[in-house]
N, C-alpha and C. Protein backbone atom coordinates (compact mmCIF):
# COMPACT_ATOMS: atom_id res chain seq x y z
N MET A 1 -2.90 3.40 -4.55
CA MET A 1 -2.27 4.58 -5.02
C MET A 1 -1.91 5.48 -3.85
N ARG A 2 -2.68 5.51 -2.83
CA ARG A 2 -2.42 6.32 -1.64
C ARG A 2 -1.08 5.90 -1.03
N ASP A 3 -0.91 4.58 -0.94
CA ASP A 3 0.37 4.09 -0.34
C ASP A 3 1.58 4.56 -1.14
N LEU A 4 1.46 4.53 -2.45
CA LEU A 4 2.57 4.98 -3.29
C LEU A 4 2.81 6.46 -3.19
N ARG A 5 1.74 7.25 -3.13
CA ARG A 5 1.92 8.68 -2.98
C ARG A 5 2.53 9.04 -1.64
N ASN A 6 2.05 8.37 -0.55
CA ASN A 6 2.63 8.65 0.75
C ASN A 6 4.08 8.27 0.85
N ALA A 7 4.43 7.08 0.29
CA ALA A 7 5.79 6.64 0.30
C ALA A 7 6.69 7.59 -0.51
N SER A 8 6.16 8.04 -1.66
CA SER A 8 6.92 8.93 -2.48
C SER A 8 7.24 10.26 -1.77
N GLY A 9 6.23 10.78 -1.11
CA GLY A 9 6.43 12.03 -0.34
C GLY A 9 7.39 11.79 0.83
N SER A 10 7.27 10.70 1.49
CA SER A 10 8.21 10.38 2.61
C SER A 10 9.63 10.22 2.12
N LEU A 11 9.78 9.58 0.96
CA LEU A 11 11.10 9.40 0.39
C LEU A 11 11.74 10.72 0.00
N ARG A 12 10.92 11.60 -0.56
CA ARG A 12 11.45 12.94 -0.88
C ARG A 12 11.96 13.65 0.31
N LEU A 13 11.23 13.59 1.43
CA LEU A 13 11.69 14.21 2.66
C LEU A 13 12.95 13.55 3.19
N LEU A 14 12.99 12.25 3.12
CA LEU A 14 14.17 11.50 3.63
C LEU A 14 15.43 11.80 2.83
N ILE A 15 15.34 11.90 1.50
CA ILE A 15 16.59 12.14 0.78
C ILE A 15 17.07 13.58 0.85
N ARG A 16 16.24 14.47 1.39
CA ARG A 16 16.69 15.85 1.61
C ARG A 16 17.61 15.93 2.80
N ARG A 17 17.56 14.97 3.66
CA ARG A 17 18.42 14.98 4.87
C ARG A 17 19.82 14.56 4.48
N PRO A 18 20.84 15.06 5.20
CA PRO A 18 22.20 14.76 4.88
C PRO A 18 22.50 13.25 5.02
N GLN A 19 21.83 12.59 5.95
CA GLN A 19 22.06 11.19 6.17
C GLN A 19 20.78 10.50 6.58
N PHE A 20 20.66 9.23 6.25
CA PHE A 20 19.56 8.40 6.77
C PHE A 20 20.07 6.97 6.75
N ASP A 21 19.45 6.14 7.55
CA ASP A 21 19.94 4.76 7.60
C ASP A 21 18.94 3.79 6.97
N LYS A 22 19.40 2.59 6.83
CA LYS A 22 18.65 1.55 6.16
C LYS A 22 17.25 1.31 6.85
N ASP A 23 17.22 1.41 8.15
CA ASP A 23 15.97 1.19 8.87
C ASP A 23 14.94 2.27 8.56
N GLU A 24 15.38 3.49 8.41
CA GLU A 24 14.46 4.57 8.03
C GLU A 24 13.87 4.37 6.65
N LEU A 25 14.78 3.95 5.72
CA LEU A 25 14.30 3.68 4.37
C LEU A 25 13.34 2.50 4.35
N TYR A 26 13.68 1.44 5.08
CA TYR A 26 12.83 0.28 5.14
C TYR A 26 11.45 0.61 5.73
N GLU A 27 11.43 1.47 6.73
CA GLU A 27 10.14 1.84 7.37
C GLU A 27 9.20 2.51 6.35
N ILE A 28 9.74 3.30 5.50
CA ILE A 28 8.95 3.97 4.47
C ILE A 28 8.47 2.93 3.40
N LEU A 29 9.40 2.13 2.92
CA LEU A 29 9.06 1.24 1.83
C LEU A 29 8.11 0.13 2.25
N THR A 30 8.07 -0.22 3.47
CA THR A 30 7.15 -1.28 3.92
C THR A 30 5.70 -0.82 4.09
N THR A 31 5.45 0.49 3.86
CA THR A 31 4.09 0.98 3.92
C THR A 31 3.35 0.79 2.60
N VAL A 32 4.07 0.39 1.53
CA VAL A 32 3.44 0.20 0.27
C VAL A 32 2.87 -1.21 0.22
N ARG A 33 1.60 -1.34 -0.12
CA ARG A 33 0.96 -2.64 -0.16
C ARG A 33 0.43 -2.93 -1.58
N PRO A 34 0.46 -4.16 -2.01
CA PRO A 34 -0.12 -4.49 -3.29
C PRO A 34 -1.66 -4.46 -3.21
N LEU A 35 -2.30 -4.35 -4.38
CA LEU A 35 -3.73 -4.36 -4.41
C LEU A 35 -4.30 -5.73 -4.01
N TYR A 36 -3.56 -6.76 -4.38
CA TYR A 36 -4.02 -8.13 -4.08
C TYR A 36 -2.78 -9.08 -4.15
N ARG A 37 -2.91 -10.26 -3.68
CA ARG A 37 -1.89 -11.29 -3.81
C ARG A 37 -2.55 -12.45 -4.58
N GLY A 38 -1.78 -13.11 -5.43
CA GLY A 38 -2.29 -14.27 -6.16
C GLY A 38 -3.04 -13.81 -7.42
N GLU A 39 -4.06 -14.52 -7.77
CA GLU A 39 -4.86 -14.19 -8.99
C GLU A 39 -5.60 -12.90 -8.81
N PRO A 40 -5.56 -12.06 -9.87
CA PRO A 40 -6.25 -10.75 -9.75
C PRO A 40 -7.79 -10.91 -9.74
N PRO A 41 -8.41 -10.18 -8.84
CA PRO A 41 -9.87 -10.15 -8.92
C PRO A 41 -10.29 -9.46 -10.27
N ARG A 42 -11.44 -9.82 -10.75
CA ARG A 42 -11.89 -9.32 -12.04
C ARG A 42 -11.81 -7.83 -12.15
N ASP A 43 -12.19 -7.12 -11.11
CA ASP A 43 -12.15 -5.64 -11.14
C ASP A 43 -10.74 -5.05 -11.26
N PHE A 44 -9.73 -5.88 -10.91
CA PHE A 44 -8.34 -5.37 -10.93
C PHE A 44 -7.53 -6.01 -11.99
N ALA A 45 -8.10 -6.81 -12.84
CA ALA A 45 -7.33 -7.59 -13.84
C ALA A 45 -6.51 -6.61 -14.75
N HIS A 46 -7.05 -5.49 -15.07
CA HIS A 46 -6.34 -4.56 -15.95
C HIS A 46 -5.10 -3.93 -15.27
N LEU A 47 -5.00 -4.10 -13.96
CA LEU A 47 -3.82 -3.56 -13.22
C LEU A 47 -2.84 -4.68 -12.85
N ALA A 48 -3.04 -5.88 -13.38
CA ALA A 48 -2.19 -7.00 -12.98
C ALA A 48 -0.70 -6.75 -13.20
N GLU A 49 -0.34 -6.18 -14.32
CA GLU A 49 1.07 -5.90 -14.62
C GLU A 49 1.71 -4.98 -13.57
N PHE A 50 0.99 -3.94 -13.22
CA PHE A 50 1.49 -2.97 -12.21
C PHE A 50 1.56 -3.62 -10.82
N ASN A 51 0.55 -4.40 -10.50
CA ASN A 51 0.52 -5.06 -9.19
C ASN A 51 1.66 -6.06 -9.03
N THR A 52 1.95 -6.76 -10.16
CA THR A 52 3.08 -7.76 -10.14
C THR A 52 4.41 -7.03 -9.87
N GLU A 53 4.54 -5.83 -10.47
CA GLU A 53 5.74 -5.02 -10.25
C GLU A 53 5.83 -4.57 -8.80
N VAL A 54 4.74 -4.13 -8.21
CA VAL A 54 4.74 -3.73 -6.82
C VAL A 54 5.10 -4.87 -5.94
N VAL A 55 4.53 -6.02 -6.14
CA VAL A 55 4.82 -7.22 -5.36
C VAL A 55 6.31 -7.56 -5.44
N ALA A 56 6.84 -7.53 -6.63
CA ALA A 56 8.26 -7.87 -6.88
C ALA A 56 9.17 -6.88 -6.11
N ARG A 57 8.82 -5.62 -6.16
CA ARG A 57 9.63 -4.58 -5.44
C ARG A 57 9.55 -4.75 -3.92
N ILE A 58 8.33 -5.06 -3.43
CA ILE A 58 8.16 -5.27 -2.00
C ILE A 58 9.03 -6.46 -1.54
N GLU A 59 8.98 -7.53 -2.30
CA GLU A 59 9.72 -8.71 -1.93
C GLU A 59 11.24 -8.46 -2.01
N ALA A 60 11.70 -7.62 -2.96
CA ALA A 60 13.12 -7.28 -3.04
C ALA A 60 13.56 -6.49 -1.80
N VAL A 61 12.69 -5.57 -1.33
CA VAL A 61 13.02 -4.81 -0.12
C VAL A 61 13.12 -5.78 1.06
N HIS A 62 12.21 -6.70 1.17
CA HIS A 62 12.26 -7.68 2.26
C HIS A 62 13.50 -8.56 2.24
N ARG A 63 13.84 -8.98 1.00
CA ARG A 63 15.08 -9.78 0.85
C ARG A 63 16.35 -8.98 1.22
N SER A 64 16.39 -7.74 0.83
CA SER A 64 17.59 -6.93 1.12
C SER A 64 17.72 -6.61 2.59
N ALA A 65 16.60 -6.66 3.31
CA ALA A 65 16.63 -6.33 4.76
C ALA A 65 17.11 -7.47 5.60
N ASN A 66 17.04 -8.64 5.06
CA ASN A 66 17.48 -9.86 5.80
C ASN A 66 18.90 -10.24 5.60
């Protein structure tokens, strides 16, 4: 959650600027990490849907950067 809050705050600051480039956006978005990769640990099973969404979004950012 801390990663998402930090990224959200950084994005708010970035969009207030008249211009920003793809690298600046990518730098912020790559700070967001999933809780886990692969099968969810028992303690995080209830968050599996949210984690899957985070992983998908991270992978989309990486694909768009290449």
